[in-house]
Amino acid sequence: MKKTQMIICIIHLLVVLMMAAIFESAAQAAEKIELSSGQTVYVSIYTHIYSGLKGRPFDLAATLSIRNTDSKYPITLVSVKFYDTDGKLLKDYVSEHVRLNALVSTRYIIKEAEIGGGSGANFIVTWKSEKSVNPPIIESIMIGTKSGQGISFVSRGQVIEDYTE
């Protein structure tokens, strides 16, 4: 009986040690904030999706939202380009760099009537900063209504490379 109790105690001790290691690792990960001085970000955009049994297009309006999450320093938008499903550049939204001060947001809108992008459209956003900052939140919000039915969803941007001049 004593041997069984000892094995149970050892198992409990191992479980406690493993849990402590997991919590410590999670705490360290939460404390580690990745700063950046610039990135290029891919953001999915859907100007329509397909619905119903016949797969008919359901047109959507889309908003690209760029939010400077840094509480101290500005970021600069170097490029905001909109591409269609086939990778063809449809519009370059930034002819001159755009400065976003700390905690400032901006948006770029694609109206529901602008259906040229397709279900595989995307934005490529390039930003930079003179200091290492919290990277911005860059996401798209799609919304549409038809015959009393509404749909909306969000797509978060994906960093595809660090920006260097």
N, C-alpha and C. Protein backbone atom coordinates (compact mmCIF):
# COMPACT_ATOMS: atom_id res chain seq x y z
N MET A 1 0.81 -1.18 0.00
CA MET A 1 0.00 0.00 0.00
C MET A 1 0.86 1.25 0.00
N LYS A 2 1.94 1.24 0.75
CA LYS A 2 2.81 2.41 0.81
C LYS A 2 3.43 2.70 -0.55
N LYS A 3 3.75 1.66 -1.30
CA LYS A 3 4.35 1.84 -2.63
C LYS A 3 3.34 2.51 -3.56
N THR A 4 2.06 2.13 -3.50
CA THR A 4 1.02 2.71 -4.33
C THR A 4 0.81 4.18 -3.98
N GLN A 5 0.80 4.48 -2.69
CA GLN A 5 0.65 5.87 -2.26
C GLN A 5 1.82 6.73 -2.72
N MET A 6 3.01 6.18 -2.68
CA MET A 6 4.19 6.90 -3.11
C MET A 6 4.12 7.18 -4.61
N ILE A 7 3.67 6.23 -5.41
CA ILE A 7 3.52 6.42 -6.86
C ILE A 7 2.48 7.50 -7.14
N ILE A 8 1.38 7.48 -6.42
CA ILE A 8 0.34 8.50 -6.58
C ILE A 8 0.89 9.89 -6.24
N CYS A 9 1.65 9.99 -5.16
CA CYS A 9 2.26 11.27 -4.78
C CYS A 9 3.22 11.77 -5.85
N ILE A 10 4.01 10.88 -6.41
CA ILE A 10 4.96 11.26 -7.47
C ILE A 10 4.19 11.74 -8.71
N ILE A 11 3.11 11.06 -9.05
CA ILE A 11 2.30 11.47 -10.21
C ILE A 11 1.70 12.85 -9.96
N HIS A 12 1.16 13.06 -8.76
CA HIS A 12 0.60 14.38 -8.42
C HIS A 12 1.67 15.47 -8.49
N LEU A 13 2.85 15.18 -8.00
CA LEU A 13 3.95 16.13 -8.04
C LEU A 13 4.31 16.47 -9.48
N LEU A 14 4.38 15.44 -10.33
CA LEU A 14 4.69 15.66 -11.75
C LEU A 14 3.62 16.51 -12.43
N VAL A 15 2.37 16.25 -12.11
CA VAL A 15 1.27 17.03 -12.69
C VAL A 15 1.38 18.49 -12.25
N VAL A 16 1.64 18.72 -10.98
CA VAL A 16 1.78 20.08 -10.46
C VAL A 16 2.96 20.79 -11.13
N LEU A 17 4.08 20.12 -11.29
CA LEU A 17 5.24 20.72 -11.95
C LEU A 17 4.94 21.04 -13.41
N MET A 18 4.25 20.14 -14.09
CA MET A 18 3.90 20.39 -15.49
C MET A 18 2.95 21.58 -15.60
N MET A 19 1.98 21.68 -14.73
CA MET A 19 1.04 22.81 -14.76
C MET A 19 1.76 24.12 -14.47
N ALA A 20 2.68 24.10 -13.53
CA ALA A 20 3.45 25.30 -13.21
C ALA A 20 4.27 25.74 -14.42
N ALA A 21 4.87 24.80 -15.12
CA ALA A 21 5.66 25.11 -16.31
C ALA A 21 4.77 25.69 -17.41
N ILE A 22 3.58 25.15 -17.58
CA ILE A 22 2.65 25.65 -18.60
C ILE A 22 2.22 27.07 -18.27
N PHE A 23 1.85 27.34 -17.02
CA PHE A 23 1.42 28.68 -16.62
C PHE A 23 2.56 29.69 -16.74
N GLU A 24 3.77 29.29 -16.38
CA GLU A 24 4.92 30.18 -16.50
C GLU A 24 5.19 30.51 -17.96
N SER A 25 5.10 29.52 -18.81
CA SER A 25 5.31 29.72 -20.24
C SER A 25 4.26 30.66 -20.81
N ALA A 26 3.01 30.48 -20.42
CA ALA A 26 1.93 31.35 -20.90
C ALA A 26 2.12 32.78 -20.41
N ALA A 27 2.55 32.93 -19.17
CA ALA A 27 2.79 34.27 -18.62
C ALA A 27 3.93 34.97 -19.36
N GLN A 28 4.98 34.23 -19.67
CA GLN A 28 6.10 34.82 -20.41
C GLN A 28 5.66 35.21 -21.81
N ALA A 29 4.84 34.40 -22.45
CA ALA A 29 4.37 34.71 -23.80
C ALA A 29 3.50 35.96 -23.79
N ALA A 30 2.67 36.11 -22.75
CA ALA A 30 1.82 37.29 -22.65
C ALA A 30 2.64 38.55 -22.42
N GLU A 31 3.76 38.43 -21.73
CA GLU A 31 4.61 39.59 -21.45
C GLU A 31 5.42 40.00 -22.68
N LYS A 32 5.68 39.07 -23.57
CA LYS A 32 6.52 39.34 -24.72
C LYS A 32 5.69 39.93 -25.85
N ILE A 33 5.81 41.22 -26.07
CA ILE A 33 5.11 41.91 -27.14
C ILE A 33 6.10 42.13 -28.26
N GLU A 34 5.76 41.63 -29.45
CA GLU A 34 6.62 41.79 -30.61
C GLU A 34 6.45 43.18 -31.20
N LEU A 35 7.49 44.00 -31.13
CA LEU A 35 7.46 45.33 -31.73
C LEU A 35 8.02 45.25 -33.14
N SER A 36 7.68 46.24 -33.95
CA SER A 36 8.15 46.25 -35.34
C SER A 36 8.33 47.69 -35.79
N SER A 37 9.20 47.88 -36.77
CA SER A 37 9.37 49.20 -37.37
C SER A 37 8.79 49.23 -38.79
N GLY A 38 8.11 48.16 -39.19
CA GLY A 38 7.44 48.16 -40.49
C GLY A 38 7.14 46.77 -40.98
N GLN A 39 6.04 46.64 -41.73
CA GLN A 39 5.62 45.34 -42.24
C GLN A 39 4.83 45.51 -43.53
N THR A 40 4.76 44.44 -44.28
CA THR A 40 3.82 44.34 -45.40
C THR A 40 2.80 43.29 -44.99
N VAL A 41 1.52 43.65 -45.12
CA VAL A 41 0.43 42.83 -44.60
C VAL A 41 -0.56 42.50 -45.73
N TYR A 42 -0.93 41.22 -45.84
CA TYR A 42 -1.94 40.75 -46.78
C TYR A 42 -3.28 40.68 -46.05
N VAL A 43 -4.33 41.27 -46.67
CA VAL A 43 -5.66 41.26 -46.05
C VAL A 43 -6.67 40.75 -47.08
N SER A 44 -7.36 39.67 -46.76
CA SER A 44 -8.39 39.13 -47.65
C SER A 44 -9.58 40.08 -47.72
N ILE A 45 -10.11 40.23 -48.94
CA ILE A 45 -11.31 41.04 -49.17
C ILE A 45 -12.25 40.21 -50.02
N TYR A 46 -13.51 40.26 -49.70
CA TYR A 46 -14.53 39.56 -50.49
C TYR A 46 -15.53 40.61 -50.97
N THR A 47 -15.56 40.92 -52.28
CA THR A 47 -16.58 41.82 -52.80
C THR A 47 -17.85 41.05 -53.11
N HIS A 48 -17.74 39.74 -53.14
CA HIS A 48 -18.91 38.86 -53.16
C HIS A 48 -18.49 37.47 -52.68
N ILE A 49 -19.48 36.76 -52.20
CA ILE A 49 -19.31 35.35 -51.86
C ILE A 49 -20.41 34.60 -52.58
N TYR A 50 -20.35 33.30 -52.57
CA TYR A 50 -21.35 32.51 -53.27
C TYR A 50 -22.29 31.88 -52.26
N SER A 51 -23.60 31.89 -52.60
CA SER A 51 -24.57 31.34 -51.66
C SER A 51 -25.67 30.59 -52.39
N GLY A 52 -26.40 29.80 -51.64
CA GLY A 52 -27.52 29.06 -52.19
C GLY A 52 -27.09 27.82 -52.94
N LEU A 53 -28.06 27.05 -53.34
CA LEU A 53 -27.80 25.80 -54.05
C LEU A 53 -27.14 26.03 -55.41
N LYS A 54 -27.45 27.16 -56.03
CA LYS A 54 -26.90 27.44 -57.35
C LYS A 54 -25.59 28.24 -57.29
N GLY A 55 -25.13 28.56 -56.09
CA GLY A 55 -23.87 29.29 -55.94
C GLY A 55 -23.91 30.67 -56.56
N ARG A 56 -24.98 31.38 -56.34
CA ARG A 56 -25.11 32.73 -56.90
C ARG A 56 -24.28 33.71 -56.09
N PRO A 57 -23.70 34.71 -56.77
CA PRO A 57 -22.92 35.73 -56.05
C PRO A 57 -23.79 36.55 -55.11
N PHE A 58 -23.27 36.80 -53.93
CA PHE A 58 -23.91 37.64 -52.93
C PHE A 58 -22.97 38.83 -52.74
N ASP A 59 -23.36 40.00 -53.29
CA ASP A 59 -22.48 41.17 -53.27
C ASP A 59 -22.30 41.72 -51.87
N LEU A 60 -21.07 42.18 -51.60
CA LEU A 60 -20.72 42.70 -50.28
C LEU A 60 -20.02 44.05 -50.39
N ALA A 61 -20.24 44.90 -49.41
CA ALA A 61 -19.41 46.09 -49.23
C ALA A 61 -18.27 45.68 -48.32
N ALA A 62 -17.12 46.31 -48.49
CA ALA A 62 -15.96 45.96 -47.66
C ALA A 62 -15.29 47.22 -47.14
N THR A 63 -14.82 47.13 -45.93
CA THR A 63 -14.05 48.22 -45.33
C THR A 63 -12.71 47.66 -44.88
N LEU A 64 -11.64 48.29 -45.32
CA LEU A 64 -10.31 47.98 -44.80
C LEU A 64 -10.07 48.93 -43.65
N SER A 65 -9.81 48.40 -42.47
CA SER A 65 -9.57 49.19 -41.27
C SER A 65 -8.12 49.05 -40.85
N ILE A 66 -7.44 50.18 -40.65
CA ILE A 66 -6.06 50.18 -40.20
C ILE A 66 -6.00 50.99 -38.92
N ARG A 67 -5.59 50.34 -37.82
CA ARG A 67 -5.60 50.97 -36.49
C ARG A 67 -4.20 50.98 -35.90
N ASN A 68 -3.68 52.17 -35.68
CA ASN A 68 -2.39 52.29 -35.00
C ASN A 68 -2.61 51.96 -33.53
N THR A 69 -2.10 50.84 -33.08
CA THR A 69 -2.32 50.41 -31.70
C THR A 69 -1.27 50.93 -30.74
N ASP A 70 -0.27 51.64 -31.26
CA ASP A 70 0.78 52.16 -30.38
C ASP A 70 0.29 53.42 -29.68
N SER A 71 0.48 53.48 -28.37
CA SER A 71 -0.03 54.61 -27.58
C SER A 71 0.92 55.80 -27.54
N LYS A 72 2.11 55.67 -28.15
CA LYS A 72 3.08 56.77 -28.10
C LYS A 72 3.52 57.29 -29.46
N TYR A 73 3.67 56.40 -30.43
CA TYR A 73 4.34 56.77 -31.67
C TYR A 73 3.45 56.61 -32.90
N PRO A 74 3.70 57.46 -33.91
CA PRO A 74 2.94 57.34 -35.15
C PRO A 74 3.49 56.21 -36.02
N ILE A 75 2.67 55.80 -36.97
CA ILE A 75 3.11 54.92 -38.05
C ILE A 75 2.81 55.65 -39.36
N THR A 76 3.46 55.21 -40.42
CA THR A 76 3.23 55.80 -41.74
C THR A 76 2.80 54.72 -42.71
N LEU A 77 1.69 54.95 -43.39
CA LEU A 77 1.25 54.03 -44.44
C LEU A 77 2.02 54.37 -45.70
N VAL A 78 2.79 53.42 -46.16
CA VAL A 78 3.61 53.59 -47.36
C VAL A 78 2.80 53.24 -48.60
N SER A 79 1.98 52.19 -48.48
CA SER A 79 1.25 51.68 -49.64
C SER A 79 -0.01 50.96 -49.18
N VAL A 80 -1.12 51.21 -49.90
CA VAL A 80 -2.37 50.49 -49.68
C VAL A 80 -2.91 50.17 -51.07
N LYS A 81 -2.72 48.92 -51.50
CA LYS A 81 -3.09 48.53 -52.86
C LYS A 81 -4.15 47.44 -52.83
N PHE A 82 -5.13 47.60 -53.73
CA PHE A 82 -6.25 46.67 -53.83
C PHE A 82 -6.13 45.85 -55.11
N TYR A 83 -6.15 44.52 -54.97
CA TYR A 83 -5.99 43.59 -56.09
C TYR A 83 -7.23 42.73 -56.24
N ASP A 84 -7.51 42.31 -57.48
CA ASP A 84 -8.65 41.42 -57.71
C ASP A 84 -8.24 39.96 -57.53
N THR A 85 -9.18 39.08 -57.76
CA THR A 85 -8.97 37.64 -57.60
C THR A 85 -7.80 37.12 -58.43
N ASP A 86 -7.58 37.73 -59.59
CA ASP A 86 -6.51 37.30 -60.50
C ASP A 86 -5.18 37.99 -60.22
N GLY A 87 -5.10 38.78 -59.15
CA GLY A 87 -3.86 39.46 -58.81
C GLY A 87 -3.62 40.75 -59.58
N LYS A 88 -4.63 41.24 -60.27
CA LYS A 88 -4.52 42.49 -61.03
C LYS A 88 -4.75 43.67 -60.10
N LEU A 89 -3.85 44.66 -60.14
CA LEU A 89 -4.01 45.86 -59.33
C LEU A 89 -5.22 46.65 -59.81
N LEU A 90 -6.19 46.86 -58.91
CA LEU A 90 -7.38 47.63 -59.24
C LEU A 90 -7.27 49.08 -58.82
N LYS A 91 -6.65 49.31 -57.66
CA LYS A 91 -6.55 50.69 -57.17
C LYS A 91 -5.41 50.81 -56.17
N ASP A 92 -4.68 51.91 -56.30
CA ASP A 92 -3.63 52.27 -55.35
C ASP A 92 -4.19 53.43 -54.54
N TYR A 93 -4.49 53.20 -53.27
CA TYR A 93 -5.17 54.18 -52.44
C TYR A 93 -4.24 55.25 -51.86
N VAL A 94 -2.94 55.03 -51.89
CA VAL A 94 -2.01 55.97 -51.25
C VAL A 94 -1.03 56.50 -52.29
N SER A 95 -1.22 57.76 -52.69
CA SER A 95 -0.27 58.36 -53.63
C SER A 95 0.88 59.02 -52.88
N GLU A 96 0.61 59.48 -51.67
CA GLU A 96 1.63 60.03 -50.77
C GLU A 96 1.49 59.31 -49.42
N HIS A 97 2.59 59.19 -48.72
CA HIS A 97 2.55 58.50 -47.42
C HIS A 97 1.50 59.14 -46.51
N VAL A 98 0.84 58.30 -45.73
CA VAL A 98 -0.20 58.75 -44.80
C VAL A 98 0.27 58.47 -43.38
N ARG A 99 0.32 59.51 -42.56
CA ARG A 99 0.74 59.39 -41.16
C ARG A 99 -0.47 59.13 -40.27
N LEU A 100 -0.35 58.10 -39.43
CA LEU A 100 -1.37 57.82 -38.42
C LEU A 100 -0.72 58.03 -37.05
N ASN A 101 -1.14 59.06 -36.37
CA ASN A 101 -0.60 59.32 -35.03
C ASN A 101 -1.00 58.21 -34.07
N ALA A 102 -0.45 58.25 -32.88
CA ALA A 102 -0.74 57.23 -31.87
C ALA A 102 -2.25 57.06 -31.70
N LEU A 103 -2.68 55.82 -31.74
CA LEU A 103 -4.07 55.41 -31.53
C LEU A 103 -5.06 55.92 -32.58
N VAL A 104 -4.57 56.39 -33.70
CA VAL A 104 -5.43 56.88 -34.78
C VAL A 104 -5.75 55.72 -35.74
N SER A 105 -6.96 55.75 -36.29
CA SER A 105 -7.39 54.74 -37.25
C SER A 105 -7.79 55.41 -38.56
N THR A 106 -7.74 54.63 -39.62
CA THR A 106 -8.24 55.08 -40.91
C THR A 106 -8.93 53.92 -41.60
N ARG A 107 -9.62 54.21 -42.69
CA ARG A 107 -10.35 53.16 -43.39
C ARG A 107 -10.37 53.46 -44.88
N TYR A 108 -10.56 52.39 -45.64
CA TYR A 108 -10.74 52.47 -47.08
C TYR A 108 -11.94 51.61 -47.41
N ILE A 109 -12.87 52.17 -48.19
CA ILE A 109 -14.16 51.51 -48.41
C ILE A 109 -14.31 51.07 -49.86
N ILE A 110 -14.81 49.86 -50.03
CA ILE A 110 -15.20 49.35 -51.33
C ILE A 110 -16.71 49.17 -51.27
N LYS A 111 -17.42 49.93 -52.09
CA LYS A 111 -18.88 49.90 -52.05
C LYS A 111 -19.40 48.58 -52.62
N GLU A 112 -20.59 48.21 -52.18
CA GLU A 112 -21.21 46.97 -52.62
C GLU A 112 -21.36 46.91 -54.14
N ALA A 113 -21.55 48.05 -54.76
CA ALA A 113 -21.72 48.10 -56.22
C ALA A 113 -20.41 47.85 -56.97
N GLU A 114 -19.27 47.99 -56.28
CA GLU A 114 -17.96 47.76 -56.90
C GLU A 114 -17.64 46.27 -56.80
N ILE A 115 -18.07 45.49 -57.77
CA ILE A 115 -17.96 44.04 -57.69
C ILE A 115 -16.71 43.49 -58.37
N GLY A 116 -15.83 44.34 -58.84
CA GLY A 116 -14.68 43.91 -59.62
C GLY A 116 -13.66 43.06 -58.88
N GLY A 117 -13.58 43.15 -57.59
CA GLY A 117 -12.55 42.42 -56.85
C GLY A 117 -12.74 40.92 -56.85
N GLY A 118 -13.95 40.50 -56.54
CA GLY A 118 -14.25 39.08 -56.52
C GLY A 118 -14.05 38.45 -55.16
N SER A 119 -14.22 37.14 -55.13
CA SER A 119 -14.14 36.41 -53.87
C SER A 119 -12.71 36.16 -53.41
N GLY A 120 -11.74 36.47 -54.26
CA GLY A 120 -10.33 36.28 -53.89
C GLY A 120 -9.55 37.57 -53.88
N ALA A 121 -10.24 38.70 -53.78
CA ALA A 121 -9.57 40.00 -53.77
C ALA A 121 -8.75 40.18 -52.50
N ASN A 122 -7.85 41.15 -52.52
CA ASN A 122 -7.03 41.40 -51.34
C ASN A 122 -6.45 42.80 -51.36
N PHE A 123 -6.07 43.26 -50.18
CA PHE A 123 -5.28 44.47 -50.02
C PHE A 123 -3.87 44.04 -49.61
N ILE A 124 -2.89 44.77 -50.12
CA ILE A 124 -1.53 44.65 -49.62
C ILE A 124 -1.21 46.01 -49.00
N VAL A 125 -0.97 46.00 -47.69
CA VAL A 125 -0.71 47.23 -46.94
C VAL A 125 0.72 47.21 -46.45
N THR A 126 1.46 48.28 -46.72
CA THR A 126 2.81 48.41 -46.20
C THR A 126 2.86 49.63 -45.30
N TRP A 127 3.40 49.44 -44.11
CA TRP A 127 3.53 50.52 -43.14
C TRP A 127 4.94 50.54 -42.57
N LYS A 128 5.31 51.69 -42.03
CA LYS A 128 6.63 51.82 -41.39
C LYS A 128 6.52 52.77 -40.22
N SER A 129 7.57 52.77 -39.39
CA SER A 129 7.67 53.69 -38.26
C SER A 129 9.14 53.98 -37.98
N GLU A 130 9.41 55.16 -37.48
CA GLU A 130 10.78 55.53 -37.14
C GLU A 130 11.25 54.81 -35.88
N LYS A 131 10.30 54.39 -35.05
CA LYS A 131 10.60 53.65 -33.81
C LYS A 131 9.99 52.26 -33.92
N SER A 132 10.45 51.36 -33.09
CA SER A 132 9.78 50.06 -32.99
C SER A 132 8.49 50.27 -32.20
N VAL A 133 7.37 49.83 -32.78
CA VAL A 133 6.06 50.09 -32.21
C VAL A 133 5.23 48.81 -32.16
N ASN A 134 4.11 48.87 -31.45
CA ASN A 134 3.12 47.80 -31.52
C ASN A 134 2.59 47.80 -32.95
N PRO A 135 2.60 46.67 -33.62
CA PRO A 135 2.07 46.64 -34.99
C PRO A 135 0.60 47.02 -35.02
N PRO A 136 0.17 47.67 -36.08
CA PRO A 136 -1.25 48.04 -36.18
C PRO A 136 -2.13 46.82 -36.36
N ILE A 137 -3.40 46.98 -36.04
CA ILE A 137 -4.40 45.98 -36.40
C ILE A 137 -4.91 46.36 -37.77
N ILE A 138 -4.78 45.43 -38.71
CA ILE A 138 -5.24 45.67 -40.08
C ILE A 138 -6.21 44.54 -40.40
N GLU A 139 -7.46 44.90 -40.66
CA GLU A 139 -8.47 43.90 -40.92
C GLU A 139 -9.50 44.44 -41.90
N SER A 140 -10.25 43.52 -42.48
CA SER A 140 -11.33 43.91 -43.38
C SER A 140 -12.66 43.46 -42.77
N ILE A 141 -13.67 44.27 -43.02
CA ILE A 141 -15.00 43.97 -42.54
C ILE A 141 -15.90 43.94 -43.78
N MET A 142 -16.57 42.83 -44.02
CA MET A 142 -17.46 42.70 -45.16
C MET A 142 -18.90 42.61 -44.65
N ILE A 143 -19.81 43.27 -45.40
CA ILE A 143 -21.21 43.26 -45.01
C ILE A 143 -22.08 43.35 -46.25
N GLY A 144 -23.21 42.66 -46.21
CA GLY A 144 -24.15 42.73 -47.33
C GLY A 144 -25.53 42.34 -46.88
N THR A 145 -26.53 42.86 -47.61
CA THR A 145 -27.92 42.50 -47.34
C THR A 145 -28.63 42.25 -48.66
N LYS A 146 -29.54 41.28 -48.64
CA LYS A 146 -30.34 40.97 -49.83
C LYS A 146 -31.60 40.25 -49.38
N SER A 147 -32.74 40.75 -49.82
CA SER A 147 -34.03 40.10 -49.54
C SER A 147 -34.22 39.80 -48.05
N GLY A 148 -33.88 40.74 -47.21
CA GLY A 148 -34.07 40.55 -45.78
C GLY A 148 -33.00 39.71 -45.11
N GLN A 149 -32.05 39.22 -45.89
CA GLN A 149 -30.95 38.43 -45.33
C GLN A 149 -29.72 39.31 -45.22
N GLY A 150 -29.02 39.21 -44.12
CA GLY A 150 -27.80 39.98 -43.94
C GLY A 150 -26.63 39.08 -43.58
N ILE A 151 -25.46 39.51 -43.97
CA ILE A 151 -24.25 38.75 -43.64
C ILE A 151 -23.14 39.75 -43.36
N SER A 152 -22.32 39.41 -42.39
CA SER A 152 -21.14 40.23 -42.11
C SER A 152 -20.07 39.34 -41.49
N PHE A 153 -18.81 39.67 -41.78
CA PHE A 153 -17.70 38.92 -41.20
C PHE A 153 -16.44 39.75 -41.30
N VAL A 154 -15.43 39.33 -40.57
CA VAL A 154 -14.15 40.05 -40.49
C VAL A 154 -13.03 39.13 -40.93
N SER A 155 -12.02 39.71 -41.57
CA SER A 155 -10.82 38.97 -41.95
C SER A 155 -9.61 39.75 -41.44
N ARG A 156 -8.81 39.13 -40.61
CA ARG A 156 -7.63 39.78 -40.03
C ARG A 156 -6.45 39.67 -40.98
N GLY A 157 -5.65 40.73 -41.08
CA GLY A 157 -4.49 40.74 -41.96
C GLY A 157 -3.40 39.78 -41.51
N GLN A 158 -2.58 39.35 -42.46
CA GLN A 158 -1.48 38.42 -42.21
C GLN A 158 -0.18 39.07 -42.67
N VAL A 159 0.79 39.19 -41.76
CA VAL A 159 2.09 39.74 -42.13
C VAL A 159 2.76 38.80 -43.13
N ILE A 160 3.22 39.36 -44.25
CA ILE A 160 3.90 38.52 -45.25
C ILE A 160 5.39 38.83 -45.34
N GLU A 161 5.79 40.01 -44.81
CA GLU A 161 7.23 40.29 -44.73
C GLU A 161 7.46 41.53 -43.89
N ASP A 162 8.67 41.63 -43.33
CA ASP A 162 9.06 42.85 -42.64
C ASP A 162 9.40 43.89 -43.69
N TYR A 163 9.10 45.14 -43.38
CA TYR A 163 9.35 46.22 -44.32
C TYR A 163 10.74 46.81 -44.07
N THR A 164 11.51 46.93 -45.11
CA THR A 164 12.79 47.63 -45.03
C THR A 164 12.90 48.54 -46.23
N GLU A 165 13.40 49.73 -46.00
CA GLU A 165 13.51 50.69 -47.10
C GLU A 165 14.72 50.39 -47.95
